[in-house]
Amino acid sequence: MLETQHRGVRVVYLVGPRARPGSWLPRSMSRWNDVAALRWIAPQIALSHVYLCGPDAWMEAAARAADAAGAQHVHAEQFAW
């Protein structure tokens, strides 16, 4: 997991092969379940805006986890290859 922070905005990069089918987590975080990992990465997720950008299956998994973790504001940017 790579992370940068600038002017109050925190960006977490989750790169590499997925932990398992249907998961948004990278393999390096495979011991976590999707919702617990999201709450650890973003403890105030219910008060935050979540921005998703990536392949459809990844975004669907991440959006499900964000919803289950209590996120109220999820924004998605879809693109095609």
PDB file of N, CA and C in Angstrom:
ATOM      1  N   MET A   1       0.847  -1.168   0.000  1.00  0.00           N
ATOM      2  CA  MET A   1       0.000   0.000   0.000  1.00  0.00           C
ATOM      3  C   MET A   1       0.897   1.236   0.000  1.00  0.00           C
ATOM      4  N   LEU A   2       0.693   2.097  -0.954  1.00  0.00           N
ATOM      5  CA  LEU A   2       1.408   3.364  -1.034  1.00  0.00           C
ATOM      6  C   LEU A   2       0.444   4.481  -0.678  1.00  0.00           C
ATOM      7  N   GLU A   3       0.959   5.533  -0.066  1.00  0.00           N
ATOM      8  CA  GLU A   3       0.087   6.607   0.387  1.00  0.00           C
ATOM      9  C   GLU A   3       0.799   7.946   0.231  1.00  0.00           C
ATOM     10  N   THR A   4       0.045   8.960  -0.189  1.00  0.00           N
ATOM     11  CA  THR A   4       0.556  10.323  -0.226  1.00  0.00           C
ATOM     12  C   THR A   4      -0.474  11.237   0.410  1.00  0.00           C
ATOM     13  N   GLN A   5      -0.012  12.333   0.948  1.00  0.00           N
ATOM     14  CA  GLN A   5      -0.925  13.294   1.553  1.00  0.00           C
ATOM     15  C   GLN A   5      -0.443  14.697   1.207  1.00  0.00           C
ATOM     16  N   HIS A   6      -1.379  15.541   0.762  1.00  0.00           N
ATOM     17  CA  HIS A   6      -1.040  16.896   0.365  1.00  0.00           C
ATOM     18  C   HIS A   6      -2.261  17.786   0.559  1.00  0.00           C
ATOM     19  N   ARG A   7      -2.088  18.856   1.294  1.00  0.00           N
ATOM     20  CA  ARG A   7      -3.160  19.839   1.518  1.00  0.00           C
ATOM     21  C   ARG A   7      -4.449  19.209   2.048  1.00  0.00           C
ATOM     22  N   GLY A   8      -4.318  18.291   2.951  1.00  0.00           N
ATOM     23  CA  GLY A   8      -5.494  17.691   3.571  1.00  0.00           C
ATOM     24  C   GLY A   8      -6.148  16.580   2.776  1.00  0.00           C
ATOM     25  N   VAL A   9      -5.605  16.253   1.612  1.00  0.00           N
ATOM     26  CA  VAL A   9      -6.147  15.173   0.801  1.00  0.00           C
ATOM     27  C   VAL A   9      -5.206  13.977   0.915  1.00  0.00           C
ATOM     28  N   ARG A  10      -5.757  12.842   1.219  1.00  0.00           N
ATOM     29  CA  ARG A  10      -4.974  11.618   1.353  1.00  0.00           C
ATOM     30  C   ARG A  10      -5.316  10.688   0.206  1.00  0.00           C
ATOM     31  N   VAL A  11      -4.310  10.213  -0.492  1.00  0.00           N
ATOM     32  CA  VAL A  11      -4.492   9.282  -1.598  1.00  0.00           C
ATOM     33  C   VAL A  11      -3.799   7.985  -1.240  1.00  0.00           C
ATOM     34  N   VAL A  12      -4.521   6.883  -1.345  1.00  0.00           N
ATOM     35  CA  VAL A  12      -3.966   5.568  -1.052  1.00  0.00           C
ATOM     36  C   VAL A  12      -3.968   4.768  -2.351  1.00  0.00           C
ATOM     37  N   TYR A  13      -2.807   4.312  -2.753  1.00  0.00           N
ATOM     38  CA  TYR A  13      -2.653   3.529  -3.977  1.00  0.00           C
ATOM     39  C   TYR A  13      -2.620   2.050  -3.606  1.00  0.00           C
ATOM     40  N   LEU A  14      -3.477   1.273  -4.229  1.00  0.00           N
ATOM     41  CA  LEU A  14      -3.553  -0.162  -3.970  1.00  0.00           C
ATOM     42  C   LEU A  14      -3.268  -0.883  -5.280  1.00  0.00           C
ATOM     43  N   VAL A  15      -2.015  -1.153  -5.508  1.00  0.00           N
ATOM     44  CA  VAL A  15      -1.589  -1.685  -6.801  1.00  0.00           C
ATOM     45  C   VAL A  15      -1.236  -3.162  -6.718  1.00  0.00           C
ATOM     46  N   GLY A  16      -1.279  -3.788  -7.866  1.00  0.00           N
ATOM     47  CA  GLY A  16      -0.888  -5.186  -7.962  1.00  0.00           C
ATOM     48  C   GLY A  16      -2.073  -6.110  -8.097  1.00  0.00           C
ATOM     49  N   PRO A  17      -1.799  -7.383  -8.210  1.00  0.00           N
ATOM     50  CA  PRO A  17      -2.867  -8.380  -8.352  1.00  0.00           C
ATOM     51  C   PRO A  17      -3.807  -8.346  -7.140  1.00  0.00           C
ATOM     52  N   ARG A  18      -5.033  -8.690  -7.359  1.00  0.00           N
ATOM     53  CA  ARG A  18      -6.049  -8.699  -6.293  1.00  0.00           C
ATOM     54  C   ARG A  18      -5.806  -9.841  -5.313  1.00  0.00           C
ATOM     55  N   ALA A  19      -6.297  -9.652  -4.105  1.00  0.00           N
ATOM     56  CA  ALA A  19      -6.144 -10.644  -3.031  1.00  0.00           C
ATOM     57  C   ALA A  19      -6.896 -11.929  -3.348  1.00  0.00           C
ATOM     58  N   ARG A  20      -8.054 -11.770  -3.952  1.00  0.00           N
ATOM     59  CA  ARG A  20      -8.912 -12.909  -4.304  1.00  0.00           C
ATOM     60  C   ARG A  20      -9.981 -12.406  -5.269  1.00  0.00           C
ATOM     61  N   PRO A  21     -10.645 -13.284  -5.992  1.00  0.00           N
ATOM     62  CA  PRO A  21     -11.701 -12.832  -6.910  1.00  0.00           C
ATOM     63  C   PRO A  21     -12.801 -12.061  -6.152  1.00  0.00           C
ATOM     64  N   GLY A  22     -13.240 -10.951  -6.724  1.00  0.00           N
ATOM     65  CA  GLY A  22     -14.301 -10.157  -6.113  1.00  0.00           C
ATOM     66  C   GLY A  22     -13.833  -9.194  -5.046  1.00  0.00           C
ATOM     67  N   SER A  23     -12.533  -9.129  -4.792  1.00  0.00           N
ATOM     68  CA  SER A  23     -11.987  -8.229  -3.777  1.00  0.00           C
ATOM     69  C   SER A  23     -11.349  -7.018  -4.441  1.00  0.00           C
ATOM     70  N   TRP A  24     -11.407  -5.886  -3.764  1.00  0.00           N
ATOM     71  CA  TRP A  24     -10.719  -4.684  -4.246  1.00  0.00           C
ATOM     72  C   TRP A  24      -9.313  -4.582  -3.664  1.00  0.00           C
ATOM     73  N   LEU A  25      -9.002  -5.423  -2.695  1.00  0.00           N
ATOM     74  CA  LEU A  25      -7.707  -5.364  -2.017  1.00  0.00           C
ATOM     75  C   LEU A  25      -6.576  -5.956  -2.850  1.00  0.00           C
ATOM     76  N   PRO A  26      -5.367  -5.409  -2.710  1.00  0.00           N
ATOM     77  CA  PRO A  26      -4.225  -6.038  -3.365  1.00  0.00           C
ATOM     78  C   PRO A  26      -3.811  -7.299  -2.599  1.00  0.00           C
ATOM     79  N   ARG A  27      -3.091  -8.160  -3.260  1.00  0.00           N
ATOM     80  CA  ARG A  27      -2.646  -9.418  -2.655  1.00  0.00           C
ATOM     81  C   ARG A  27      -1.878  -9.198  -1.351  1.00  0.00           C
ATOM     82  N   SER A  28      -1.155  -8.079  -1.263  1.00  0.00           N
ATOM     83  CA  SER A  28      -0.377  -7.806  -0.045  1.00  0.00           C
ATOM     84  C   SER A  28      -1.262  -7.605   1.186  1.00  0.00           C
ATOM     85  N   MET A  29      -2.552  -7.403   0.977  1.00  0.00           N
ATOM     86  CA  MET A  29      -3.485  -7.226   2.100  1.00  0.00           C
ATOM     87  C   MET A  29      -4.492  -8.373   2.170  1.00  0.00           C
ATOM     88  N   SER A  30      -4.131  -9.538   1.669  1.00  0.00           N
ATOM     89  CA  SER A  30      -5.075 -10.655   1.557  1.00  0.00           C
ATOM     90  C   SER A  30      -5.560 -11.197   2.894  1.00  0.00           C
ATOM     91  N   ARG A  31      -4.882 -10.871   3.984  1.00  0.00           N
ATOM     92  CA  ARG A  31      -5.347 -11.373   5.293  1.00  0.00           C
ATOM     93  C   ARG A  31      -6.566 -10.584   5.797  1.00  0.00           C
ATOM     94  N   TRP A  32      -6.846  -9.441   5.189  1.00  0.00           N
ATOM     95  CA  TRP A  32      -7.966  -8.589   5.588  1.00  0.00           C
ATOM     96  C   TRP A  32      -9.224  -8.939   4.803  1.00  0.00           C
ATOM     97  N   ASN A  33     -10.401  -8.680   5.399  1.00  0.00           N
ATOM     98  CA  ASN A  33     -11.603  -8.695   4.575  1.00  0.00           C
ATOM     99  C   ASN A  33     -11.799  -7.275   4.056  1.00  0.00           C
ATOM    100  N   ASP A  34     -12.573  -7.124   3.009  1.00  0.00           N
ATOM    101  CA  ASP A  34     -12.684  -5.841   2.310  1.00  0.00           C
ATOM    102  C   ASP A  34     -13.179  -4.696   3.190  1.00  0.00           C
ATOM    103  N   VAL A  35     -14.179  -4.921   3.996  1.00  0.00           N
ATOM    104  CA  VAL A  35     -14.750  -3.854   4.827  1.00  0.00           C
ATOM    105  C   VAL A  35     -13.803  -3.479   5.962  1.00  0.00           C
ATOM    106  N   ALA A  36     -13.226  -4.465   6.642  1.00  0.00           N
ATOM    107  CA  ALA A  36     -12.293  -4.180   7.732  1.00  0.00           C
ATOM    108  C   ALA A  36     -11.079  -3.402   7.220  1.00  0.00           C
ATOM    109  N   ALA A  37     -10.569  -3.772   6.049  1.00  0.00           N
ATOM    110  CA  ALA A  37      -9.426  -3.058   5.479  1.00  0.00           C
ATOM    111  C   ALA A  37      -9.788  -1.619   5.167  1.00  0.00           C
ATOM    112  N   LEU A  38     -10.956  -1.401   4.616  1.00  0.00           N
ATOM    113  CA  LEU A  38     -11.379  -0.040   4.290  1.00  0.00           C
ATOM    114  C   LEU A  38     -11.529   0.808   5.547  1.00  0.00           C
ATOM    115  N   ARG A  39     -12.088   0.239   6.586  1.00  0.00           N
ATOM    116  CA  ARG A  39     -12.214   0.985   7.853  1.00  0.00           C
ATOM    117  C   ARG A  39     -10.851   1.265   8.473  1.00  0.00           C
ATOM    118  N   TRP A  40      -9.872   0.405   8.255  1.00  0.00           N
ATOM    119  CA  TRP A  40      -8.520   0.645   8.763  1.00  0.00           C
ATOM    120  C   TRP A  40      -7.826   1.738   7.950  1.00  0.00           C
ATOM    121  N   ILE A  41      -7.966   1.670   6.630  1.00  0.00           N
ATOM    122  CA  ILE A  41      -7.359   2.671   5.754  1.00  0.00           C
ATOM    123  C   ILE A  41      -8.010   4.038   5.962  1.00  0.00           C
ATOM    124  N   ALA A  42      -9.328   4.049   6.120  1.00  0.00           N
ATOM    125  CA  ALA A  42     -10.080   5.311   6.236  1.00  0.00           C
ATOM    126  C   ALA A  42     -11.007   5.248   7.447  1.00  0.00           C
ATOM    127  N   PRO A  43     -10.470   5.451   8.659  1.00  0.00           N
ATOM    128  CA  PRO A  43     -11.281   5.307   9.871  1.00  0.00           C
ATOM    129  C   PRO A  43     -12.500   6.235   9.922  1.00  0.00           C
ATOM    130  N   GLN A  44     -12.454   7.354   9.237  1.00  0.00           N
ATOM    131  CA  GLN A  44     -13.588   8.281   9.241  1.00  0.00           C
ATOM    132  C   GLN A  44     -14.358   8.219   7.927  1.00  0.00           C
ATOM    133  N   ILE A  45     -14.473   7.040   7.374  1.00  0.00           N
ATOM    134  CA  ILE A  45     -15.094   6.884   6.059  1.00  0.00           C
ATOM    135  C   ILE A  45     -16.531   7.408   6.021  1.00  0.00           C
ATOM    136  N   ALA A  46     -17.260   7.288   7.114  1.00  0.00           N
ATOM    137  CA  ALA A  46     -18.649   7.772   7.123  1.00  0.00           C
ATOM    138  C   ALA A  46     -18.724   9.287   6.972  1.00  0.00           C
ATOM    139  N   LEU A  47     -17.653   9.995   7.271  1.00  0.00           N
ATOM    140  CA  LEU A  47     -17.626  11.456   7.170  1.00  0.00           C
ATOM    141  C   LEU A  47     -16.878  11.938   5.929  1.00  0.00           C
ATOM    142  N   SER A  48     -16.405  11.015   5.123  1.00  0.00           N
ATOM    143  CA  SER A  48     -15.523  11.358   4.005  1.00  0.00           C
ATOM    144  C   SER A  48     -16.195  11.148   2.660  1.00  0.00           C
ATOM    145  N   HIS A  49     -15.648  11.779   1.650  1.00  0.00           N
ATOM    146  CA  HIS A  49     -16.023  11.496   0.267  1.00  0.00           C
ATOM    147  C   HIS A  49     -15.052  10.451  -0.247  1.00  0.00           C
ATOM    148  N   VAL A  50     -15.578   9.426  -0.886  1.00  0.00           N
ATOM    149  CA  VAL A  50     -14.771   8.338  -1.437  1.00  0.00           C
ATOM    150  C   VAL A  50     -14.796   8.472  -2.953  1.00  0.00           C
ATOM    151  N   TYR A  51     -13.618   8.541  -3.557  1.00  0.00           N
ATOM    152  CA  TYR A  51     -13.498   8.650  -5.010  1.00  0.00           C
ATOM    153  C   TYR A  51     -12.893   7.364  -5.547  1.00  0.00           C
ATOM    154  N   LEU A  52     -13.588   6.745  -6.491  1.00  0.00           N
ATOM    155  CA  LEU A  52     -13.137   5.488  -7.075  1.00  0.00           C
ATOM    156  C   LEU A  52     -12.865   5.672  -8.558  1.00  0.00           C
ATOM    157  N   CYS A  53     -11.780   5.097  -9.009  1.00  0.00           N
ATOM    158  CA  CYS A  53     -11.451   5.102 -10.429  1.00  0.00           C
ATOM    159  C   CYS A  53     -10.662   3.840 -10.709  1.00  0.00           C
ATOM    160  N   GLY A  54     -11.138   3.039 -11.623  1.00  0.00           N
ATOM    161  CA  GLY A  54     -10.445   1.801 -11.952  1.00  0.00           C
ATOM    162  C   GLY A  54     -11.326   0.912 -12.798  1.00  0.00           C
ATOM    163  N   PRO A  55     -10.905  -0.309 -13.008  1.00  0.00           N
ATOM    164  CA  PRO A  55     -11.701  -1.259 -13.782  1.00  0.00           C
ATOM    165  C   PRO A  55     -13.044  -1.524 -13.106  1.00  0.00           C
ATOM    166  N   ASP A  56     -14.054  -1.849 -13.914  1.00  0.00           N
ATOM    167  CA  ASP A  56     -15.422  -2.033 -13.413  1.00  0.00           C
ATOM    168  C   ASP A  56     -15.523  -2.996 -12.233  1.00  0.00           C
ATOM    169  N   ALA A  57     -14.929  -4.192 -12.356  1.00  0.00           N
ATOM    170  CA  ALA A  57     -15.053  -5.190 -11.283  1.00  0.00           C
ATOM    171  C   ALA A  57     -14.432  -4.676  -9.991  1.00  0.00           C
ATOM    172  N   TRP A  58     -13.285  -3.994 -10.087  1.00  0.00           N
ATOM    173  CA  TRP A  58     -12.633  -3.435  -8.907  1.00  0.00           C
ATOM    174  C   TRP A  58     -13.506  -2.356  -8.283  1.00  0.00           C
ATOM    175  N   MET A  59     -14.056  -1.471  -9.119  1.00  0.00           N
ATOM    176  CA  MET A  59     -14.890  -0.383  -8.588  1.00  0.00           C
ATOM    177  C   MET A  59     -16.163  -0.926  -7.935  1.00  0.00           C
ATOM    178  N   GLU A  60     -16.747  -1.952  -8.508  1.00  0.00           N
ATOM    179  CA  GLU A  60     -17.938  -2.557  -7.903  1.00  0.00           C
ATOM    180  C   GLU A  60     -17.612  -3.131  -6.530  1.00  0.00           C
ATOM    181  N   ALA A  61     -16.494  -3.831  -6.411  1.00  0.00           N
ATOM    182  CA  ALA A  61     -16.084  -4.405  -5.121  1.00  0.00           C
ATOM    183  C   ALA A  61     -15.789  -3.299  -4.113  1.00  0.00           C
ATOM    184  N   ALA A  62     -15.096  -2.254  -4.549  1.00  0.00           N
ATOM    185  CA  ALA A  62     -14.759  -1.148  -3.648  1.00  0.00           C
ATOM    186  C   ALA A  62     -16.008  -0.395  -3.225  1.00  0.00           C
ATOM    187  N   ALA A  63     -16.952  -0.190  -4.127  1.00  0.00           N
ATOM    188  CA  ALA A  63     -18.202   0.499  -3.794  1.00  0.00           C
ATOM    189  C   ALA A  63     -19.024  -0.321  -2.796  1.00  0.00           C
ATOM    190  N   ARG A  64     -19.068  -1.637  -2.966  1.00  0.00           N
ATOM    191  CA  ARG A  64     -19.783  -2.496  -2.003  1.00  0.00           C
ATOM    192  C   ARG A  64     -19.154  -2.378  -0.619  1.00  0.00           C
ATOM    193  N   ALA A  65     -17.831  -2.404  -0.554  1.00  0.00           N
ATOM    194  CA  ALA A  65     -17.132  -2.287   0.729  1.00  0.00           C
ATOM    195  C   ALA A  65     -17.375  -0.915   1.348  1.00  0.00           C
ATOM    196  N   ALA A  66     -17.332   0.142   0.539  1.00  0.00           N
ATOM    197  CA  ALA A  66     -17.564   1.500   1.044  1.00  0.00           C
ATOM    198  C   ALA A  66     -18.977   1.619   1.617  1.00  0.00           C
ATOM    199  N   ASP A  67     -19.945   1.073   0.921  1.00  0.00           N
ATOM    200  CA  ASP A  67     -21.327   1.102   1.402  1.00  0.00           C
ATOM    201  C   ASP A  67     -21.449   0.341   2.729  1.00  0.00           C
ATOM    202  N   ALA A  68     -20.860  -0.842   2.797  1.00  0.00           N
ATOM    203  CA  ALA A  68     -20.921  -1.655   4.021  1.00  0.00           C
ATOM    204  C   ALA A  68     -20.167  -0.994   5.177  1.00  0.00           C
ATOM    205  N   ALA A  69     -19.162  -0.175   4.856  1.00  0.00           N
ATOM    206  CA  ALA A  69     -18.378   0.511   5.893  1.00  0.00           C
ATOM    207  C   ALA A  69     -19.039   1.812   6.352  1.00  0.00           C
ATOM    208  N   GLY A  70     -20.146   2.189   5.721  1.00  0.00           N
ATOM    209  CA  GLY A  70     -20.883   3.375   6.162  1.00  0.00           C
ATOM    210  C   GLY A  70     -20.639   4.639   5.371  1.00  0.00           C
ATOM    211  N   ALA A  71     -19.967   4.548   4.224  1.00  0.00           N
ATOM    212  CA  ALA A  71     -19.708   5.740   3.406  1.00  0.00           C
ATOM    213  C   ALA A  71     -21.026   6.320   2.898  1.00  0.00           C
ATOM    214  N   GLN A  72     -21.159   7.625   2.992  1.00  0.00           N
ATOM    215  CA  GLN A  72     -22.356   8.311   2.520  1.00  0.00           C
ATOM    216  C   GLN A  72     -22.145   8.967   1.155  1.00  0.00           C
ATOM    217  N   HIS A  73     -20.894   9.216   0.797  1.00  0.00           N
ATOM    218  CA  HIS A  73     -20.570   9.947  -0.435  1.00  0.00           C
ATOM    219  C   HIS A  73     -19.547   9.158  -1.244  1.00  0.00           C
ATOM    220  N   VAL A  74     -20.016   8.387  -2.209  1.00  0.00           N
ATOM    221  CA  VAL A  74     -19.128   7.610  -3.062  1.00  0.00           C
ATOM    222  C   VAL A  74     -19.235   8.153  -4.485  1.00  0.00           C
ATOM    223  N   HIS A  75     -18.107   8.532  -5.044  1.00  0.00           N
ATOM    224  CA  HIS A  75     -18.041   9.079  -6.398  1.00  0.00           C
ATOM    225  C   HIS A  75     -17.239   8.102  -7.256  1.00  0.00           C
ATOM    226  N   ALA A  76     -17.754   7.804  -8.436  1.00  0.00           N
ATOM    227  CA  ALA A  76     -17.071   6.851  -9.313  1.00  0.00           C
ATOM    228  C   ALA A  76     -16.830   7.472 -10.673  1.00  0.00           C
ATOM    229  N   GLU A  77     -15.637   7.240 -11.189  1.00  0.00           N
ATOM    230  CA  GLU A  77     -15.296   7.673 -12.547  1.00  0.00           C
ATOM    231  C   GLU A  77     -15.028   6.425 -13.351  1.00  0.00           C
ATOM    232  N   GLN A  78     -15.871   6.172 -14.330  1.00  0.00           N
ATOM    233  CA  GLN A  78     -15.702   4.985 -15.154  1.00  0.00           C
ATOM    234  C   GLN A  78     -14.972   5.352 -16.443  1.00  0.00           C
ATOM    235  N   PHE A  79     -14.193   4.429 -16.934  1.00  0.00           N
ATOM    236  CA  PHE A  79     -13.469   4.640 -18.172  1.00  0.00           C
ATOM    237  C   PHE A  79     -13.398   3.336 -18.933  1.00  0.00           C
ATOM    238  N   ALA A  80     -13.055   3.426 -20.168  1.00  0.00           N
ATOM    239  CA  ALA A  80     -12.924   2.227 -21.001  1.00  0.00           C
ATOM    240  C   ALA A  80     -11.505   2.127 -21.516  1.00  0.00           C
ATOM    241  N   TRP A  81     -11.054   0.913 -21.725  1.00  0.00           N
ATOM    242  CA  TRP A  81      -9.699   0.699 -22.243  1.00  0.00           C
ATOM    243  C   TRP A  81      -9.720   0.757 -23.738  1.00  0.00           C
TER     244      TRP A  81
END
